[in-house]
Amino acid sequence: MNTAIGTNTEAIVVPTAEPALQLEHVSYSYTKSGKRVLIDKNYDFHAGSVVSITGPSGAGKTTLLSLLSGLTTPTKGRVLHNGVDLAKVDRYRFRSHDIGVIFQSFNLLPALTVAENIILSMDASGKTFDRPKKQIAAELIEKVRLQPEYLNERILHLSDGEQQRVAIARALSYDPQIILADEPTGNLDLATQDDIMGIFKDLAHAEGKCVIIVTHSPEVAAQSDEVFQLAPLRER
């Protein structure tokens, strides 16, 4: 069972019996130095919920991000996806089908249009789609609260807030169960930050996605359903 800090009582969240992602006694140490970054972490991340991961620099947020996204495996313990150990599955397929990652720096191709960036992500997933990809891209930019005319706009002409919305749409392009966002509001004003959080809450509460946000922002944490707080090194 999770221990939540600052639970949002207004959210209607119905957790599934099986967590979408689960940390089971997870520890991680750097191979060369042996320095421990995470020690015996346990947490259940459920569909239909927005969870913020917080903590000071050096607390292990970036390492945890890599573990949850399947980029690396724990030194001890397990990361489970729908009850299955990620270390025992095709992690490339997991990353291209089951989890959508939103990077702090957006990682969009500036010379391409919004539609082209989204469609490239769809192509890379290897999934098949039941309707034209540009139609799906149009539906996605509406979901992230952009007007239809943005579809053919080049990324280099967009503001940071607009690029963040496109990055969310791209992460949704192959309909993953889990959305993992790294500091998604770090460079945004408060009004845009609130709007981005509204999108994440819609994805969790209306569509049943598991949304996990790594953040330094107390405002973002306060708007989440749960907060998983990593302790600073001196408290371990």
C-alpha atoms as a PDB file:
ATOM      1  CA  MET A   1       0.000   0.000   0.000  1.00  0.00           C
ATOM      2  CA  ASN A   2       1.275   3.482  -0.832  1.00  0.00           C
ATOM      3  CA  THR A   3       1.901   6.139   1.761  1.00  0.00           C
ATOM      4  CA  ALA A   4       0.651   9.309   0.093  1.00  0.00           C
ATOM      5  CA  ILE A   5       1.685  12.815   1.084  1.00  0.00           C
ATOM      6  CA  GLY A   6      -0.734  15.601   0.211  1.00  0.00           C
ATOM      7  CA  THR A   7      -3.466  13.471  -1.343  1.00  0.00           C
ATOM      8  CA  ASN A   8      -5.873  15.475  -3.505  1.00  0.00           C
ATOM      9  CA  THR A   9      -9.312  14.684  -2.072  1.00  0.00           C
ATOM     10  CA  GLU A  10     -11.136  16.257  -5.028  1.00  0.00           C
ATOM     11  CA  ALA A  11      -9.803  13.715  -7.514  1.00  0.00           C
ATOM     12  CA  ILE A  12     -11.876  10.650  -8.285  1.00  0.00           C
ATOM     13  CA  VAL A  13      -9.353   7.854  -8.583  1.00  0.00           C
ATOM     14  CA  VAL A  14     -10.245   4.171  -8.683  1.00  0.00           C
ATOM     15  CA  PRO A  15      -6.965   2.221  -8.487  1.00  0.00           C
ATOM     16  CA  THR A  16      -6.705  -1.069 -10.324  1.00  0.00           C
ATOM     17  CA  ALA A  17      -5.945  -4.196  -8.284  1.00  0.00           C
ATOM     18  CA  GLU A  18      -2.621  -4.612 -10.082  1.00  0.00           C
ATOM     19  CA  PRO A  19      -0.374  -1.528 -10.106  1.00  0.00           C
ATOM     20  CA  ALA A  20       0.649  -0.308 -13.552  1.00  0.00           C
ATOM     21  CA  LEU A  21       4.188   0.061 -12.173  1.00  0.00           C
ATOM     22  CA  GLN A  22       5.535  -1.177  -8.876  1.00  0.00           C
ATOM     23  CA  LEU A  23       8.781  -0.756  -6.968  1.00  0.00           C
ATOM     24  CA  GLU A  24       9.531  -3.842  -4.901  1.00  0.00           C
ATOM     25  CA  HIS A  25      12.469  -3.381  -2.487  1.00  0.00           C
ATOM     26  CA  VAL A  26      14.375  -1.451  -5.148  1.00  0.00           C
ATOM     27  CA  SER A  27      17.956  -0.379  -4.495  1.00  0.00           C
ATOM     28  CA  TYR A  28      20.467   1.050  -6.921  1.00  0.00           C
ATOM     29  CA  SER A  29      24.226   1.598  -6.660  1.00  0.00           C
ATOM     30  CA  TYR A  30      26.649   2.943  -9.237  1.00  0.00           C
ATOM     31  CA  THR A  31      28.768   0.092 -10.591  1.00  0.00           C
ATOM     32  CA  LYS A  32      32.199   1.770 -10.442  1.00  0.00           C
ATOM     33  CA  SER A  33      31.985   3.760  -7.214  1.00  0.00           C
ATOM     34  CA  GLY A  34      29.535   1.543  -5.356  1.00  0.00           C
ATOM     35  CA  LYS A  35      27.715   4.692  -4.231  1.00  0.00           C
ATOM     36  CA  ARG A  36      24.151   3.915  -3.217  1.00  0.00           C
ATOM     37  CA  VAL A  37      21.506   6.188  -4.723  1.00  0.00           C
ATOM     38  CA  LEU A  38      18.280   4.365  -3.855  1.00  0.00           C
ATOM     39  CA  ILE A  39      17.803   2.039  -0.890  1.00  0.00           C
ATOM     40  CA  ASP A  40      14.904  -0.422  -0.475  1.00  0.00           C
ATOM     41  CA  LYS A  41      12.220   1.652  -2.201  1.00  0.00           C
ATOM     42  CA  ASN A  42       8.646   0.371  -2.404  1.00  0.00           C
ATOM     43  CA  TYR A  43       5.770   2.087  -4.174  1.00  0.00           C
ATOM     44  CA  ASP A  44       2.687   1.230  -6.235  1.00  0.00           C
ATOM     45  CA  PHE A  45       1.831   3.469  -9.208  1.00  0.00           C
ATOM     46  CA  HIS A  46      -1.790   2.885 -10.223  1.00  0.00           C
ATOM     47  CA  ALA A  47      -3.725   3.634 -13.377  1.00  0.00           C
ATOM     48  CA  GLY A  48      -6.097   6.569 -12.939  1.00  0.00           C
ATOM     49  CA  SER A  49      -3.729   8.502 -10.693  1.00  0.00           C
ATOM     50  CA  VAL A  50      -1.214  11.358 -10.976  1.00  0.00           C
ATOM     51  CA  VAL A  51       1.848  10.774  -8.786  1.00  0.00           C
ATOM     52  CA  SER A  52       4.607  13.328  -8.267  1.00  0.00           C
ATOM     53  CA  ILE A  53       8.104  12.154  -7.342  1.00  0.00           C
ATOM     54  CA  THR A  54       9.872  14.847  -5.318  1.00  0.00           C
ATOM     55  CA  GLY A  55      13.095  15.272  -3.384  1.00  0.00           C
ATOM     56  CA  PRO A  56      16.248  17.383  -3.307  1.00  0.00           C
ATOM     57  CA  SER A  57      19.086  17.129  -5.809  1.00  0.00           C
ATOM     58  CA  GLY A  58      20.975  13.886  -5.277  1.00  0.00           C
ATOM     59  CA  ALA A  59      17.983  12.075  -3.805  1.00  0.00           C
ATOM     60  CA  GLY A  60      17.787   9.701  -6.774  1.00  0.00           C
ATOM     61  CA  LYS A  61      14.954  11.153  -8.876  1.00  0.00           C
ATOM     62  CA  THR A  62      16.871  10.822 -12.161  1.00  0.00           C
ATOM     63  CA  THR A  63      17.924   7.272 -11.313  1.00  0.00           C
ATOM     64  CA  LEU A  64      14.350   6.358 -10.429  1.00  0.00           C
ATOM     65  CA  LEU A  65      13.201   7.851 -13.740  1.00  0.00           C
ATOM     66  CA  SER A  66      15.624   5.541 -15.579  1.00  0.00           C
ATOM     67  CA  LEU A  67      14.407   2.520 -13.620  1.00  0.00           C
ATOM     68  CA  LEU A  68      10.714   3.243 -14.190  1.00  0.00           C
ATOM     69  CA  SER A  69      11.237   3.803 -17.916  1.00  0.00           C
ATOM     70  CA  GLY A  70      13.159   0.560 -18.321  1.00  0.00           C
ATOM     71  CA  LEU A  71      16.437   2.217 -19.300  1.00  0.00           C
ATOM     72  CA  THR A  72      18.271   0.446 -16.485  1.00  0.00           C
ATOM     73  CA  THR A  73      17.604  -2.274 -13.916  1.00  0.00           C
ATOM     74  CA  PRO A  74      17.911  -2.194 -10.117  1.00  0.00           C
ATOM     75  CA  THR A  75      20.972  -3.430  -8.257  1.00  0.00           C
ATOM     76  CA  LYS A  76      18.521  -5.154  -5.912  1.00  0.00           C
ATOM     77  CA  GLY A  77      14.763  -5.609  -6.013  1.00  0.00           C
ATOM     78  CA  ARG A  78      12.350  -5.443  -8.932  1.00  0.00           C
ATOM     79  CA  VAL A  79      10.412  -2.947 -11.031  1.00  0.00           C
ATOM     80  CA  LEU A  80       7.148  -4.591 -12.094  1.00  0.00           C
ATOM     81  CA  HIS A  81       4.864  -3.647 -14.989  1.00  0.00           C
ATOM     82  CA  ASN A  82       1.392  -5.113 -14.520  1.00  0.00           C
ATOM     83  CA  GLY A  83       2.970  -7.645 -12.172  1.00  0.00           C
ATOM     84  CA  VAL A  84       5.810  -8.669 -14.523  1.00  0.00           C
ATOM     85  CA  ASP A  85       9.479  -7.956 -13.752  1.00  0.00           C
ATOM     86  CA  LEU A  86      10.857  -5.477 -16.317  1.00  0.00           C
ATOM     87  CA  ALA A  87      14.235  -7.234 -16.134  1.00  0.00           C
ATOM     88  CA  LYS A  88      12.615 -10.305 -17.720  1.00  0.00           C
ATOM     89  CA  VAL A  89      10.799  -8.652 -20.634  1.00  0.00           C
ATOM     90  CA  ASP A  90      11.726  -6.867 -23.857  1.00  0.00           C
ATOM     91  CA  ARG A  91      12.399  -3.421 -22.410  1.00  0.00           C
ATOM     92  CA  TYR A  92      12.638  -1.805 -25.844  1.00  0.00           C
ATOM     93  CA  ARG A  93       9.093  -2.972 -26.564  1.00  0.00           C
ATOM     94  CA  PHE A  94       8.000  -1.700 -23.139  1.00  0.00           C
ATOM     95  CA  ARG A  95       9.442   1.744 -23.908  1.00  0.00           C
ATOM     96  CA  SER A  96       7.933   1.911 -27.405  1.00  0.00           C
ATOM     97  CA  HIS A  97       4.480   0.524 -26.552  1.00  0.00           C
ATOM     98  CA  ASP A  98       3.604   0.806 -22.866  1.00  0.00           C
ATOM     99  CA  ILE A  99       5.230   4.005 -21.599  1.00  0.00           C
ATOM    100  CA  GLY A 100       5.384   7.512 -23.044  1.00  0.00           C
ATOM    101  CA  VAL A 101       8.212   9.731 -21.799  1.00  0.00           C
ATOM    102  CA  ILE A 102       8.074  13.535 -21.770  1.00  0.00           C
ATOM    103  CA  PHE A 103      11.576  14.975 -21.550  1.00  0.00           C
ATOM    104  CA  GLN A 104      12.513  18.151 -19.693  1.00  0.00           C
ATOM    105  CA  SER A 105      14.109  19.560 -22.864  1.00  0.00           C
ATOM    106  CA  PHE A 106      11.137  18.460 -25.060  1.00  0.00           C
ATOM    107  CA  ASN A 107      13.432  16.645 -27.579  1.00  0.00           C
ATOM    108  CA  LEU A 108      11.305  17.786 -30.524  1.00  0.00           C
ATOM    109  CA  LEU A 109      12.741  18.257 -34.013  1.00  0.00           C
ATOM    110  CA  PRO A 110      12.527  22.038 -34.552  1.00  0.00           C
ATOM    111  CA  ALA A 111      12.551  22.066 -38.368  1.00  0.00           C
ATOM    112  CA  LEU A 112       9.620  19.645 -38.584  1.00  0.00           C
ATOM    113  CA  THR A 113       5.952  20.408 -38.068  1.00  0.00           C
ATOM    114  CA  VAL A 114       3.886  19.405 -35.073  1.00  0.00           C
ATOM    115  CA  ALA A 115       2.230  16.653 -37.118  1.00  0.00           C
ATOM    116  CA  GLU A 116       5.565  15.346 -38.382  1.00  0.00           C
ATOM    117  CA  ASN A 117       6.996  15.113 -34.860  1.00  0.00           C
ATOM    118  CA  ILE A 118       3.970  13.170 -33.637  1.00  0.00           C
ATOM    119  CA  ILE A 119       3.894  10.849 -36.660  1.00  0.00           C
ATOM    120  CA  LEU A 120       7.617  10.073 -36.309  1.00  0.00           C
ATOM    121  CA  SER A 121       6.897   8.809 -32.802  1.00  0.00           C
ATOM    122  CA  MET A 122       4.043   6.673 -34.101  1.00  0.00           C
ATOM    123  CA  ASP A 123       6.311   5.191 -36.768  1.00  0.00           C
ATOM    124  CA  ALA A 124       9.060   4.434 -34.240  1.00  0.00           C
ATOM    125  CA  SER A 125       6.645   2.512 -32.008  1.00  0.00           C
ATOM    126  CA  GLY A 126       6.080  -0.132 -34.676  1.00  0.00           C
ATOM    127  CA  LYS A 127       2.394  -0.252 -33.801  1.00  0.00           C
ATOM    128  CA  THR A 128      -0.396  -0.456 -36.361  1.00  0.00           C
ATOM    129  CA  PHE A 129      -3.157   2.155 -36.298  1.00  0.00           C
ATOM    130  CA  ASP A 130      -6.804   1.901 -37.297  1.00  0.00           C
ATOM    131  CA  ARG A 131      -7.013   5.301 -39.009  1.00  0.00           C
ATOM    132  CA  PRO A 132      -4.714   7.798 -40.753  1.00  0.00           C
ATOM    133  CA  LYS A 133      -1.838   8.971 -38.574  1.00  0.00           C
ATOM    134  CA  LYS A 134      -2.413  12.638 -39.347  1.00  0.00           C
ATOM    135  CA  GLN A 135      -6.000  12.269 -38.124  1.00  0.00           C
ATOM    136  CA  ILE A 136      -4.712  10.799 -34.871  1.00  0.00           C
ATOM    137  CA  ALA A 137      -2.200  13.672 -34.590  1.00  0.00           C
ATOM    138  CA  ALA A 138      -5.054  16.166 -35.013  1.00  0.00           C
ATOM    139  CA  GLU A 139      -7.022  14.463 -32.235  1.00  0.00           C
ATOM    140  CA  LEU A 140      -3.988  14.528 -29.961  1.00  0.00           C
ATOM    141  CA  ILE A 141      -3.282  18.244 -30.325  1.00  0.00           C
ATOM    142  CA  GLU A 142      -6.920  18.917 -29.452  1.00  0.00           C
ATOM    143  CA  LYS A 143      -6.458  16.754 -26.358  1.00  0.00           C
ATOM    144  CA  VAL A 144      -3.495  18.903 -25.262  1.00  0.00           C
ATOM    145  CA  ARG A 145      -5.542  22.067 -25.827  1.00  0.00           C
ATOM    146  CA  LEU A 146      -3.954  23.370 -29.032  1.00  0.00           C
ATOM    147  CA  GLN A 147      -5.940  24.735 -31.972  1.00  0.00           C
ATOM    148  CA  PRO A 148      -6.092  22.672 -35.224  1.00  0.00           C
ATOM    149  CA  GLU A 149      -3.924  25.162 -37.137  1.00  0.00           C
ATOM    150  CA  TYR A 150      -0.933  24.173 -34.982  1.00  0.00           C
ATOM    151  CA  LEU A 151      -0.776  20.813 -36.743  1.00  0.00           C
ATOM    152  CA  ASN A 152       1.212  22.243 -39.676  1.00  0.00           C
ATOM    153  CA  GLU A 153       3.265  24.733 -37.631  1.00  0.00           C
ATOM    154  CA  ARG A 154       6.999  24.155 -37.315  1.00  0.00           C
ATOM    155  CA  ILE A 155       8.281  23.517 -33.800  1.00  0.00           C
ATOM    156  CA  LEU A 156      10.805  26.372 -34.019  1.00  0.00           C
ATOM    157  CA  HIS A 157       7.918  28.856 -34.155  1.00  0.00           C
ATOM    158  CA  LEU A 158       6.314  27.635 -30.910  1.00  0.00           C
ATOM    159  CA  SER A 159       6.646  28.943 -27.347  1.00  0.00           C
ATOM    160  CA  ASP A 160       7.913  26.719 -24.516  1.00  0.00           C
ATOM    161  CA  GLY A 161       4.360  26.107 -23.329  1.00  0.00           C
ATOM    162  CA  GLU A 162       3.222  25.124 -26.818  1.00  0.00           C
ATOM    163  CA  GLN A 163       6.225  22.834 -27.258  1.00  0.00           C
ATOM    164  CA  GLN A 164       5.436  21.142 -23.956  1.00  0.00           C
ATOM    165  CA  ARG A 165       1.911  20.394 -25.179  1.00  0.00           C
ATOM    166  CA  VAL A 166       3.322  18.917 -28.393  1.00  0.00           C
ATOM    167  CA  ALA A 167       5.725  16.802 -26.330  1.00  0.00           C
ATOM    168  CA  ILE A 168       2.748  15.439 -24.380  1.00  0.00           C
ATOM    169  CA  ALA A 169       0.863  14.723 -27.617  1.00  0.00           C
ATOM    170  CA  ARG A 170       3.909  12.906 -28.985  1.00  0.00           C
ATOM    171  CA  ALA A 171       4.153  10.778 -25.830  1.00  0.00           C
ATOM    172  CA  LEU A 172       0.483   9.846 -26.290  1.00  0.00           C
ATOM    173  CA  SER A 173       0.883   9.025 -29.992  1.00  0.00           C
ATOM    174  CA  TYR A 174       0.938   5.236 -29.556  1.00  0.00           C
ATOM    175  CA  ASP A 175      -1.565   5.220 -26.657  1.00  0.00           C
ATOM    176  CA  PRO A 176       0.707   4.026 -23.822  1.00  0.00           C
ATOM    177  CA  GLN A 177      -0.704   2.966 -20.467  1.00  0.00           C
ATOM    178  CA  ILE A 178       1.879   5.004 -18.537  1.00  0.00           C
ATOM    179  CA  ILE A 179       3.039   8.608 -18.942  1.00  0.00           C
ATOM    180  CA  LEU A 180       6.347   9.579 -17.344  1.00  0.00           C
ATOM    181  CA  ALA A 181       7.209  13.292 -17.299  1.00  0.00           C
ATOM    182  CA  ASP A 182      10.555  14.793 -16.264  1.00  0.00           C
ATOM    183  CA  GLU A 183      10.121  18.318 -14.829  1.00  0.00           C
ATOM    184  CA  PRO A 184       7.330  19.102 -17.337  1.00  0.00           C
ATOM    185  CA  THR A 185       6.589  22.557 -15.907  1.00  0.00           C
ATOM    186  CA  GLY A 186      10.117  23.716 -15.045  1.00  0.00           C
ATOM    187  CA  ASN A 187      10.291  26.535 -17.615  1.00  0.00           C
ATOM    188  CA  LEU A 188       6.627  27.546 -17.639  1.00  0.00           C
ATOM    189  CA  ASP A 189       4.678  30.375 -16.020  1.00  0.00           C
ATOM    190  CA  LEU A 190       2.115  29.469 -13.351  1.00  0.00           C
ATOM    191  CA  ALA A 191      -0.918  29.769 -15.644  1.00  0.00           C
ATOM    192  CA  THR A 192       0.604  27.431 -18.234  1.00  0.00           C
ATOM    193  CA  GLN A 193       1.784  25.108 -15.467  1.00  0.00           C
ATOM    194  CA  ASP A 194      -1.783  24.825 -14.172  1.00  0.00           C
ATOM    195  CA  ASP A 195      -3.057  24.084 -17.673  1.00  0.00           C
ATOM    196  CA  ILE A 196      -0.429  21.368 -18.205  1.00  0.00           C
ATOM    197  CA  MET A 197      -1.400  19.796 -14.884  1.00  0.00           C
ATOM    198  CA  GLY A 198      -5.027  19.924 -16.000  1.00  0.00           C
ATOM    199  CA  ILE A 199      -4.061  17.878 -19.069  1.00  0.00           C
ATOM    200  CA  PHE A 200      -2.271  15.302 -16.913  1.00  0.00           C
ATOM    201  CA  LYS A 201      -5.252  15.013 -14.564  1.00  0.00           C
ATOM    202  CA  ASP A 202      -7.606  14.523 -17.518  1.00  0.00           C
ATOM    203  CA  LEU A 203      -5.366  11.736 -18.826  1.00  0.00           C
ATOM    204  CA  ALA A 204      -5.396   9.992 -15.449  1.00  0.00           C
ATOM    205  CA  HIS A 205      -8.943  10.570 -14.247  1.00  0.00           C
ATOM    206  CA  ALA A 206     -10.849  10.465 -17.557  1.00  0.00           C
ATOM    207  CA  GLU A 207      -8.696   8.019 -19.542  1.00  0.00           C
ATOM    208  CA  GLY A 208      -7.319   5.846 -16.753  1.00  0.00           C
ATOM    209  CA  LYS A 209      -3.651   6.416 -17.508  1.00  0.00           C
ATOM    210  CA  CYS A 210      -0.915   6.155 -14.913  1.00  0.00           C
ATOM    211  CA  VAL A 211       0.809   9.571 -14.854  1.00  0.00           C
ATOM    212  CA  ILE A 212       4.139   9.905 -13.036  1.00  0.00           C
ATOM    213  CA  ILE A 213       5.812  13.314 -12.740  1.00  0.00           C
ATOM    214  CA  VAL A 214       9.345  14.023 -11.508  1.00  0.00           C
ATOM    215  CA  THR A 215       9.265  17.570 -10.147  1.00  0.00           C
ATOM    216  CA  HIS A 216      10.862  20.153  -7.868  1.00  0.00           C
ATOM    217  CA  SER A 217       7.671  22.230  -7.884  1.00  0.00           C
ATOM    218  CA  PRO A 218       5.545  22.339  -4.703  1.00  0.00           C
ATOM    219  CA  GLU A 219       2.647  23.607  -6.843  1.00  0.00           C
ATOM    220  CA  VAL A 220       2.802  20.562  -9.115  1.00  0.00           C
ATOM    221  CA  ALA A 221       3.041  18.221  -6.127  1.00  0.00           C
ATOM    222  CA  ALA A 222       0.027  19.901  -4.510  1.00  0.00           C
ATOM    223  CA  GLN A 223      -2.077  19.278  -7.620  1.00  0.00           C
ATOM    224  CA  SER A 224      -1.138  15.589  -7.806  1.00  0.00           C
ATOM    225  CA  ASP A 225      -3.155  12.750  -6.297  1.00  0.00           C
ATOM    226  CA  GLU A 226      -0.123  11.341  -4.477  1.00  0.00           C
ATOM    227  CA  VAL A 227       3.426  12.412  -3.722  1.00  0.00           C
ATOM    228  CA  PHE A 228       6.312   9.943  -3.482  1.00  0.00           C
ATOM    229  CA  GLN A 229       9.008  11.854  -1.622  1.00  0.00           C
ATOM    230  CA  LEU A 230      12.629  10.702  -1.821  1.00  0.00           C
ATOM    231  CA  ALA A 231      14.701  11.522   1.255  1.00  0.00           C
ATOM    232  CA  PRO A 232      17.920  13.522   0.979  1.00  0.00           C
ATOM    233  CA  LEU A 233      21.151  11.566   1.396  1.00  0.00           C
ATOM    234  CA  ARG A 234      21.777  12.733   4.966  1.00  0.00           C
ATOM    235  CA  GLU A 235      18.480  11.161   6.109  1.00  0.00           C
ATOM    236  CA  ARG A 236      19.277   7.677   4.783  1.00  0.00           C
END
